[in-house]
Amino acid sequence: MNGGANSREPMTQMLSRNTKPASQELRPPDLRVHWLGRTEFAHALALQEELAAKKKEDASLEDQLLLLEHEPVYTIGRTPDRSSLLGSAHLPHPVFSINRGGQATYHGPGQLMGYPIIDLRRCGQDLHKYLRWLEQLLIDLLAQYDIVAQRRESLTGVWVENRKIASIGVGVRHWITMHGFALNVCGDLSPFDHIVPCGINNVAITSMEKETKKSFTVADVAPTLEKLALNSIVSLRVAPETQVMNA
């Protein structure tokens, strides 16, 4: 998997200089995966915006998948209803309002964050298909660790029985995706107690560590996710003759 540093140099230069393709056999517009390690939320958001802007201008660029974990932060999507934050003065970590769908959630150490920068014009401009692809990617990942996960009707995300183990919230501009998923791998889940996670009252939050009683780190799990994403990205694409690249 590509390595990354929490650098302050121009961000796309950092990716191109310090990383290499996960598979040298891939060619644009396939998927390039970057492991960024522990990264501040604002830094990762700026990187997504920069990559998405470049992708909009040059459709031949590879799609990207940023894998990382964050310092503690709360986020909420583009909604006038902010009740899931339960106010914000009491929150122990910063709050970011961002251009994704959905209500409040928490990100922090122990979560595997995945931010795909994918051109949906190559995927039939089908947002629902993309969301189901993200869910299946996480379900397949969890199966690798003997965790049986599934979708729940009308609730985007991934669940183990009635316990939520992964959240999904995406933003799309000019058919280029941003944001993505947060998989609870290990660590402290108590910051979720300060909000109504994803706007779902009384939802139980779980993690890979909690479900298996085994020790994991985000860095342990990320290479498995990378492999699955590289193998499954083809299922998201549509035939070149059906792609609409001038949308």
C-alpha atoms as a PDB file:
ATOM      1  CA  MET A   1       0.000   0.000   0.000  1.00  0.00           C
ATOM      2  CA  ASN A   2       1.177   3.503  -0.718  1.00  0.00           C
ATOM      3  CA  GLY A   3       2.770   5.334   2.165  1.00  0.00           C
ATOM      4  CA  GLY A   4       1.960   8.888   3.161  1.00  0.00           C
ATOM      5  CA  ALA A   5       3.089  11.604   5.532  1.00  0.00           C
ATOM      6  CA  ASN A   6       1.188  14.246   7.436  1.00  0.00           C
ATOM      7  CA  SER A   7       2.981  16.847   5.352  1.00  0.00           C
ATOM      8  CA  ARG A   8       2.196  20.507   4.729  1.00  0.00           C
ATOM      9  CA  GLU A   9       3.693  20.654   1.208  1.00  0.00           C
ATOM     10  CA  PRO A  10       1.181  20.993  -1.678  1.00  0.00           C
ATOM     11  CA  MET A  11      -0.979  17.980  -1.108  1.00  0.00           C
ATOM     12  CA  THR A  12      -1.206  16.426  -4.538  1.00  0.00           C
ATOM     13  CA  GLN A  13       2.546  16.879  -4.882  1.00  0.00           C
ATOM     14  CA  MET A  14       2.943  14.975  -1.615  1.00  0.00           C
ATOM     15  CA  LEU A  15       0.915  12.073  -3.005  1.00  0.00           C
ATOM     16  CA  SER A  16       2.759  11.940  -6.317  1.00  0.00           C
ATOM     17  CA  ARG A  17       6.223  12.328  -4.797  1.00  0.00           C
ATOM     18  CA  ASN A  18       5.951  10.151  -1.708  1.00  0.00           C
ATOM     19  CA  THR A  19       3.715   7.373  -2.988  1.00  0.00           C
ATOM     20  CA  LYS A  20       3.585   4.935  -5.849  1.00  0.00           C
ATOM     21  CA  PRO A  21       0.682   2.998  -7.379  1.00  0.00           C
ATOM     22  CA  ALA A  22      -0.513   0.095  -5.246  1.00  0.00           C
ATOM     23  CA  SER A  23      -0.244  -2.062  -8.347  1.00  0.00           C
ATOM     24  CA  GLN A  24       2.140  -1.190 -11.130  1.00  0.00           C
ATOM     25  CA  GLU A  25      -0.156  -3.072 -13.524  1.00  0.00           C
ATOM     26  CA  LEU A  26      -2.982  -0.563 -13.114  1.00  0.00           C
ATOM     27  CA  ARG A  27      -3.484   2.180 -15.690  1.00  0.00           C
ATOM     28  CA  PRO A  28      -5.837   5.186 -15.675  1.00  0.00           C
ATOM     29  CA  PRO A  29      -8.689   5.392 -14.983  1.00  0.00           C
ATOM     30  CA  ASP A  30      -8.217   2.591 -12.454  1.00  0.00           C
ATOM     31  CA  LEU A  31      -7.921   3.041  -8.723  1.00  0.00           C
ATOM     32  CA  ARG A  32      -4.871   4.282  -6.864  1.00  0.00           C
ATOM     33  CA  VAL A  33      -4.788   3.740  -3.102  1.00  0.00           C
ATOM     34  CA  HIS A  34      -2.890   5.918  -0.611  1.00  0.00           C
ATOM     35  CA  TRP A  35      -2.277   5.221   3.082  1.00  0.00           C
ATOM     36  CA  LEU A  36      -1.959   8.582   4.882  1.00  0.00           C
ATOM     37  CA  GLY A  37      -1.759   7.378   8.471  1.00  0.00           C
ATOM     38  CA  ARG A  38      -3.003   9.724  11.224  1.00  0.00           C
ATOM     39  CA  THR A  39      -4.205  12.890   9.498  1.00  0.00           C
ATOM     40  CA  GLU A  40      -6.024  15.977  10.736  1.00  0.00           C
ATOM     41  CA  PHE A  41      -9.538  16.275   9.367  1.00  0.00           C
ATOM     42  CA  ALA A  42      -9.021  19.711   7.801  1.00  0.00           C
ATOM     43  CA  HIS A  43      -5.902  18.495   5.993  1.00  0.00           C
ATOM     44  CA  ALA A  44      -7.700  15.453   4.581  1.00  0.00           C
ATOM     45  CA  LEU A  45     -10.679  17.567   3.517  1.00  0.00           C
ATOM     46  CA  ALA A  46      -8.430  19.996   1.642  1.00  0.00           C
ATOM     47  CA  LEU A  47      -6.684  17.080  -0.060  1.00  0.00           C
ATOM     48  CA  GLN A  48     -10.003  15.612  -1.195  1.00  0.00           C
ATOM     49  CA  GLU A  49     -11.103  18.947  -2.612  1.00  0.00           C
ATOM     50  CA  GLU A  50      -7.822  19.381  -4.450  1.00  0.00           C
ATOM     51  CA  LEU A  51      -7.932  15.886  -5.947  1.00  0.00           C
ATOM     52  CA  ALA A  52     -11.589  16.245  -6.942  1.00  0.00           C
ATOM     53  CA  ALA A  53     -10.901  19.549  -8.686  1.00  0.00           C
ATOM     54  CA  LYS A  54      -8.030  18.029 -10.655  1.00  0.00           C
ATOM     55  CA  LYS A  55     -10.169  15.033 -11.557  1.00  0.00           C
ATOM     56  CA  LYS A  56     -12.924  17.311 -12.852  1.00  0.00           C
ATOM     57  CA  GLU A  57     -10.463  19.106 -15.126  1.00  0.00           C
ATOM     58  CA  ASP A  58      -8.739  15.958 -16.385  1.00  0.00           C
ATOM     59  CA  ALA A  59     -10.960  12.879 -16.647  1.00  0.00           C
ATOM     60  CA  SER A  60      -7.977  10.736 -17.638  1.00  0.00           C
ATOM     61  CA  LEU A  61      -6.549  10.928 -14.115  1.00  0.00           C
ATOM     62  CA  GLU A  62      -6.776   7.802 -11.984  1.00  0.00           C
ATOM     63  CA  ASP A  63      -9.494   7.507  -9.405  1.00  0.00           C
ATOM     64  CA  GLN A  64      -8.100   7.715  -5.885  1.00  0.00           C
ATOM     65  CA  LEU A  65      -8.826   6.088  -2.534  1.00  0.00           C
ATOM     66  CA  LEU A  66      -7.384   7.758   0.568  1.00  0.00           C
ATOM     67  CA  LEU A  67      -7.109   5.501   3.631  1.00  0.00           C
ATOM     68  CA  LEU A  68      -6.305   7.084   6.979  1.00  0.00           C
ATOM     69  CA  GLU A  69      -7.417   7.695  10.531  1.00  0.00           C
ATOM     70  CA  HIS A  70      -8.240  11.024  12.133  1.00  0.00           C
ATOM     71  CA  GLU A  71      -7.594  12.955  15.267  1.00  0.00           C
ATOM     72  CA  PRO A  72     -10.908  13.183  17.193  1.00  0.00           C
ATOM     73  CA  VAL A  73     -13.555  15.234  15.402  1.00  0.00           C
ATOM     74  CA  TYR A  74     -17.311  15.407  14.853  1.00  0.00           C
ATOM     75  CA  THR A  75     -18.827  16.052  11.437  1.00  0.00           C
ATOM     76  CA  ILE A  76     -22.309  16.798  10.181  1.00  0.00           C
ATOM     77  CA  GLY A  77     -23.650  16.919   6.644  1.00  0.00           C
ATOM     78  CA  ARG A  78     -25.428  19.573   4.631  1.00  0.00           C
ATOM     79  CA  THR A  79     -28.681  19.687   6.578  1.00  0.00           C
ATOM     80  CA  PRO A  80     -30.524  22.487   8.399  1.00  0.00           C
ATOM     81  CA  ASP A  81     -31.433  19.951  11.080  1.00  0.00           C
ATOM     82  CA  ARG A  82     -28.487  19.846  13.476  1.00  0.00           C
ATOM     83  CA  SER A  83     -30.386  18.205  16.329  1.00  0.00           C
ATOM     84  CA  SER A  84     -28.162  15.096  16.141  1.00  0.00           C
ATOM     85  CA  LEU A  85     -25.345  17.194  17.623  1.00  0.00           C
ATOM     86  CA  LEU A  86     -27.473  17.758  20.767  1.00  0.00           C
ATOM     87  CA  GLY A  87     -26.123  21.280  20.675  1.00  0.00           C
ATOM     88  CA  SER A  88     -22.381  21.633  20.298  1.00  0.00           C
ATOM     89  CA  ALA A  89     -21.100  23.455  23.382  1.00  0.00           C
ATOM     90  CA  HIS A  90     -20.823  20.189  25.313  1.00  0.00           C
ATOM     91  CA  LEU A  91     -18.835  18.322  22.672  1.00  0.00           C
ATOM     92  CA  PRO A  92     -15.269  17.365  23.639  1.00  0.00           C
ATOM     93  CA  HIS A  93     -13.920  17.658  20.071  1.00  0.00           C
ATOM     94  CA  PRO A  94     -14.231  20.112  17.152  1.00  0.00           C
ATOM     95  CA  VAL A  95     -17.226  20.050  14.791  1.00  0.00           C
ATOM     96  CA  PHE A  96     -16.962  20.349  10.999  1.00  0.00           C
ATOM     97  CA  SER A  97     -19.945  21.007   8.725  1.00  0.00           C
ATOM     98  CA  ILE A  98     -19.176  19.388   5.383  1.00  0.00           C
ATOM     99  CA  ASN A  99     -20.661  18.717   1.947  1.00  0.00           C
ATOM    100  CA  ARG A 100     -21.871  15.182   2.502  1.00  0.00           C
ATOM    101  CA  GLY A 101     -25.281  13.788   3.212  1.00  0.00           C
ATOM    102  CA  GLY A 102     -26.350  12.713   6.659  1.00  0.00           C
ATOM    103  CA  GLN A 103     -26.423  13.701  10.286  1.00  0.00           C
ATOM    104  CA  ALA A 104     -23.697  13.895  12.928  1.00  0.00           C
ATOM    105  CA  THR A 105     -21.013  11.317  13.446  1.00  0.00           C
ATOM    106  CA  TYR A 106     -17.667  10.976  15.187  1.00  0.00           C
ATOM    107  CA  HIS A 107     -14.258  10.198  13.689  1.00  0.00           C
ATOM    108  CA  GLY A 108     -11.127   9.453  15.633  1.00  0.00           C
ATOM    109  CA  PRO A 109      -8.261   7.071  16.371  1.00  0.00           C
ATOM    110  CA  GLY A 110      -9.256   3.466  15.802  1.00  0.00           C
ATOM    111  CA  GLN A 111     -11.458   4.216  12.787  1.00  0.00           C
ATOM    112  CA  LEU A 112     -10.422   3.308   9.257  1.00  0.00           C
ATOM    113  CA  MET A 113     -11.478   6.243   7.097  1.00  0.00           C
ATOM    114  CA  GLY A 114     -11.872   5.742   3.359  1.00  0.00           C
ATOM    115  CA  TYR A 115     -12.232   8.710   1.021  1.00  0.00           C
ATOM    116  CA  PRO A 116     -12.746   7.615  -2.605  1.00  0.00           C
ATOM    117  CA  ILE A 117     -12.301  10.281  -5.282  1.00  0.00           C
ATOM    118  CA  ILE A 118     -14.137   8.442  -8.052  1.00  0.00           C
ATOM    119  CA  ASP A 119     -15.556   9.720 -11.331  1.00  0.00           C
ATOM    120  CA  LEU A 120     -19.122   8.404 -11.423  1.00  0.00           C
ATOM    121  CA  ARG A 121     -19.363   9.302 -15.099  1.00  0.00           C
ATOM    122  CA  ARG A 122     -17.412   6.065 -15.593  1.00  0.00           C
ATOM    123  CA  CYS A 123     -19.890   4.278 -13.340  1.00  0.00           C
ATOM    124  CA  GLY A 124     -23.172   5.050 -15.043  1.00  0.00           C
ATOM    125  CA  GLN A 125     -23.743   8.210 -12.971  1.00  0.00           C
ATOM    126  CA  ASP A 126     -25.457   5.929 -10.479  1.00  0.00           C
ATOM    127  CA  LEU A 127     -25.094   7.192  -6.914  1.00  0.00           C
ATOM    128  CA  HIS A 128     -27.172   4.374  -5.420  1.00  0.00           C
ATOM    129  CA  LYS A 129     -24.955   1.773  -7.078  1.00  0.00           C
ATOM    130  CA  TYR A 130     -21.920   3.547  -5.648  1.00  0.00           C
ATOM    131  CA  LEU A 131     -23.346   3.529  -2.117  1.00  0.00           C
ATOM    132  CA  ARG A 132     -24.141  -0.187  -2.378  1.00  0.00           C
ATOM    133  CA  TRP A 133     -20.580  -0.781  -3.658  1.00  0.00           C
ATOM    134  CA  LEU A 134     -19.149   0.926  -0.575  1.00  0.00           C
ATOM    135  CA  GLU A 135     -21.388  -1.118   1.711  1.00  0.00           C
ATOM    136  CA  GLN A 136     -20.438  -4.379  -0.006  1.00  0.00           C
ATOM    137  CA  LEU A 137     -16.761  -3.489   0.178  1.00  0.00           C
ATOM    138  CA  LEU A 138     -17.039  -3.169   3.955  1.00  0.00           C
ATOM    139  CA  ILE A 139     -19.201  -6.288   4.315  1.00  0.00           C
ATOM    140  CA  ASP A 140     -16.592  -8.262   2.375  1.00  0.00           C
ATOM    141  CA  LEU A 141     -13.790  -6.792   4.489  1.00  0.00           C
ATOM    142  CA  LEU A 142     -15.495  -7.779   7.725  1.00  0.00           C
ATOM    143  CA  ALA A 143     -16.073 -11.296   6.415  1.00  0.00           C
ATOM    144  CA  GLN A 144     -12.290 -11.621   6.124  1.00  0.00           C
ATOM    145  CA  TYR A 145     -12.201 -11.292   9.921  1.00  0.00           C
ATOM    146  CA  ASP A 146     -15.149 -13.668  10.536  1.00  0.00           C
ATOM    147  CA  ILE A 147     -17.585 -10.848  11.249  1.00  0.00           C
ATOM    148  CA  VAL A 148     -20.992 -11.337   9.648  1.00  0.00           C
ATOM    149  CA  ALA A 149     -22.230  -7.905   8.605  1.00  0.00           C
ATOM    150  CA  GLN A 150     -25.127  -6.711   6.503  1.00  0.00           C
ATOM    151  CA  ARG A 151     -27.122  -3.759   5.265  1.00  0.00           C
ATOM    152  CA  ARG A 152     -30.330  -2.578   6.901  1.00  0.00           C
ATOM    153  CA  GLU A 153     -33.230  -1.408   4.777  1.00  0.00           C
ATOM    154  CA  SER A 154     -33.406   2.393   4.394  1.00  0.00           C
ATOM    155  CA  LEU A 155     -30.321   2.872   6.629  1.00  0.00           C
ATOM    156  CA  THR A 156     -27.106   3.499   4.698  1.00  0.00           C
ATOM    157  CA  GLY A 157     -24.124   1.893   6.402  1.00  0.00           C
ATOM    158  CA  VAL A 158     -23.028  -1.523   7.642  1.00  0.00           C
ATOM    159  CA  TRP A 159     -24.382  -3.391  10.648  1.00  0.00           C
ATOM    160  CA  VAL A 160     -23.672  -6.450  12.784  1.00  0.00           C
ATOM    161  CA  GLU A 161     -27.169  -7.496  13.779  1.00  0.00           C
ATOM    162  CA  ASN A 162     -28.583  -4.233  15.200  1.00  0.00           C
ATOM    163  CA  ARG A 163     -25.179  -2.706  15.978  1.00  0.00           C
ATOM    164  CA  LYS A 164     -23.643  -0.176  13.590  1.00  0.00           C
ATOM    165  CA  ILE A 165     -20.023  -0.877  12.726  1.00  0.00           C
ATOM    166  CA  ALA A 166     -19.502   1.435   9.739  1.00  0.00           C
ATOM    167  CA  SER A 167     -20.982   4.736   8.595  1.00  0.00           C
ATOM    168  CA  ILE A 168     -21.172   6.026   5.042  1.00  0.00           C
ATOM    169  CA  GLY A 169     -21.663   9.623   3.950  1.00  0.00           C
ATOM    170  CA  VAL A 170     -20.715  10.923   0.529  1.00  0.00           C
ATOM    171  CA  GLY A 171     -20.605  14.168  -1.371  1.00  0.00           C
ATOM    172  CA  VAL A 172     -20.704  14.433  -5.160  1.00  0.00           C
ATOM    173  CA  ARG A 173     -19.756  17.424  -7.313  1.00  0.00           C
ATOM    174  CA  HIS A 174     -19.824  17.198 -11.103  1.00  0.00           C
ATOM    175  CA  TRP A 175     -20.146  13.415 -10.610  1.00  0.00           C
ATOM    176  CA  ILE A 176     -16.840  13.275  -8.678  1.00  0.00           C
ATOM    177  CA  THR A 177     -17.168  11.691  -5.236  1.00  0.00           C
ATOM    178  CA  MET A 178     -15.777  12.914  -1.921  1.00  0.00           C
ATOM    179  CA  HIS A 179     -15.968  11.704   1.678  1.00  0.00           C
ATOM    180  CA  GLY A 180     -16.864   8.021   2.021  1.00  0.00           C
ATOM    181  CA  PHE A 181     -16.845   5.588   4.933  1.00  0.00           C
ATOM    182  CA  ALA A 182     -15.743   5.200   8.528  1.00  0.00           C
ATOM    183  CA  LEU A 183     -15.187   1.669   9.850  1.00  0.00           C
ATOM    184  CA  ASN A 184     -14.852   1.201  13.601  1.00  0.00           C
ATOM    185  CA  VAL A 185     -11.823  -1.026  14.016  1.00  0.00           C
ATOM    186  CA  CYS A 186     -10.790  -0.566  17.653  1.00  0.00           C
ATOM    187  CA  GLY A 187     -10.493   1.897  20.488  1.00  0.00           C
ATOM    188  CA  ASP A 188     -12.767   4.188  22.446  1.00  0.00           C
ATOM    189  CA  LEU A 189     -16.371   4.431  21.239  1.00  0.00           C
ATOM    190  CA  SER A 190     -17.548   6.722  24.035  1.00  0.00           C
ATOM    191  CA  PRO A 191     -17.384   9.943  21.929  1.00  0.00           C
ATOM    192  CA  PHE A 192     -20.464   8.639  20.100  1.00  0.00           C
ATOM    193  CA  ASP A 193     -22.362   8.997  23.391  1.00  0.00           C
ATOM    194  CA  HIS A 194     -22.268  12.808  23.090  1.00  0.00           C
ATOM    195  CA  ILE A 195     -24.350  12.845  19.869  1.00  0.00           C
ATOM    196  CA  VAL A 196     -27.185  10.976  18.142  1.00  0.00           C
ATOM    197  CA  PRO A 197     -24.999   9.014  15.700  1.00  0.00           C
ATOM    198  CA  CYS A 198     -26.268   9.426  12.131  1.00  0.00           C
ATOM    199  CA  GLY A 199     -29.483  10.806  13.608  1.00  0.00           C
ATOM    200  CA  ILE A 200     -30.589   7.338  14.789  1.00  0.00           C
ATOM    201  CA  ASN A 201     -31.875   7.388  18.345  1.00  0.00           C
ATOM    202  CA  ASN A 202     -30.577   4.707  20.721  1.00  0.00           C
ATOM    203  CA  VAL A 203     -28.348   3.156  18.081  1.00  0.00           C
ATOM    204  CA  ALA A 204     -25.694   0.758  19.378  1.00  0.00           C
ATOM    205  CA  ILE A 205     -22.184   1.376  18.029  1.00  0.00           C
ATOM    206  CA  THR A 206     -19.717  -1.477  17.752  1.00  0.00           C
ATOM    207  CA  SER A 207     -16.245  -2.194  16.381  1.00  0.00           C
ATOM    208  CA  MET A 208     -14.227  -5.073  14.983  1.00  0.00           C
ATOM    209  CA  GLU A 209     -12.381  -5.321  18.287  1.00  0.00           C
ATOM    210  CA  LYS A 210     -15.615  -5.391  20.263  1.00  0.00           C
ATOM    211  CA  GLU A 211     -17.251  -8.012  18.043  1.00  0.00           C
ATOM    212  CA  THR A 212     -14.311 -10.426  17.938  1.00  0.00           C
ATOM    213  CA  LYS A 213     -12.609  -9.761  21.301  1.00  0.00           C
ATOM    214  CA  LYS A 214      -9.390  -9.595  19.294  1.00  0.00           C
ATOM    215  CA  SER A 215      -6.822  -6.829  18.972  1.00  0.00           C
ATOM    216  CA  PHE A 216      -6.659  -4.865  15.703  1.00  0.00           C
ATOM    217  CA  THR A 217      -5.114  -1.633  14.517  1.00  0.00           C
ATOM    218  CA  VAL A 218      -6.263   0.501  11.615  1.00  0.00           C
ATOM    219  CA  ALA A 219      -2.920  -0.072   9.907  1.00  0.00           C
ATOM    220  CA  ASP A 220      -3.480  -3.848  10.190  1.00  0.00           C
ATOM    221  CA  VAL A 221      -6.863  -3.683   8.456  1.00  0.00           C
ATOM    222  CA  ALA A 222      -6.127  -1.105   5.752  1.00  0.00           C
ATOM    223  CA  PRO A 223      -4.181  -3.457   3.412  1.00  0.00           C
ATOM    224  CA  THR A 224      -7.123  -5.885   3.349  1.00  0.00           C
ATOM    225  CA  LEU A 225      -9.458  -3.053   2.380  1.00  0.00           C
ATOM    226  CA  GLU A 226      -7.028  -1.933  -0.315  1.00  0.00           C
ATOM    227  CA  LYS A 227      -6.905  -5.383  -1.894  1.00  0.00           C
ATOM    228  CA  LEU A 228     -10.688  -5.721  -1.912  1.00  0.00           C
ATOM    229  CA  ALA A 229     -11.156  -2.252  -3.401  1.00  0.00           C
ATOM    230  CA  LEU A 230      -8.671  -2.906  -6.200  1.00  0.00           C
ATOM    231  CA  ASN A 231     -10.354  -6.217  -7.001  1.00  0.00           C
ATOM    232  CA  SER A 232     -13.916  -4.890  -6.908  1.00  0.00           C
ATOM    233  CA  ILE A 233     -13.631  -1.481  -8.590  1.00  0.00           C
ATOM    234  CA  VAL A 234     -14.347  -3.125 -11.942  1.00  0.00           C
ATOM    235  CA  SER A 235     -17.842  -4.038 -10.716  1.00  0.00           C
ATOM    236  CA  LEU A 236     -18.601  -0.332 -10.284  1.00  0.00           C
ATOM    237  CA  ARG A 237     -17.584   0.633 -13.834  1.00  0.00           C
ATOM    238  CA  VAL A 238     -19.788   0.595 -16.890  1.00  0.00           C
ATOM    239  CA  ALA A 239     -18.696  -0.161 -20.448  1.00  0.00           C
ATOM    240  CA  PRO A 240     -16.754   2.680 -22.094  1.00  0.00           C
ATOM    241  CA  GLU A 241     -19.367   3.114 -24.805  1.00  0.00           C
ATOM    242  CA  THR A 242     -22.000   3.922 -22.141  1.00  0.00           C
ATOM    243  CA  GLN A 243     -19.880   6.429 -20.207  1.00  0.00           C
ATOM    244  CA  VAL A 244     -20.948  10.076 -20.325  1.00  0.00           C
ATOM    245  CA  MET A 245     -17.777  12.112 -19.902  1.00  0.00           C
ATOM    246  CA  ASN A 246     -19.114  15.558 -20.815  1.00  0.00           C
ATOM    247  CA  ALA A 247     -21.655  15.770 -17.999  1.00  0.00           C
END
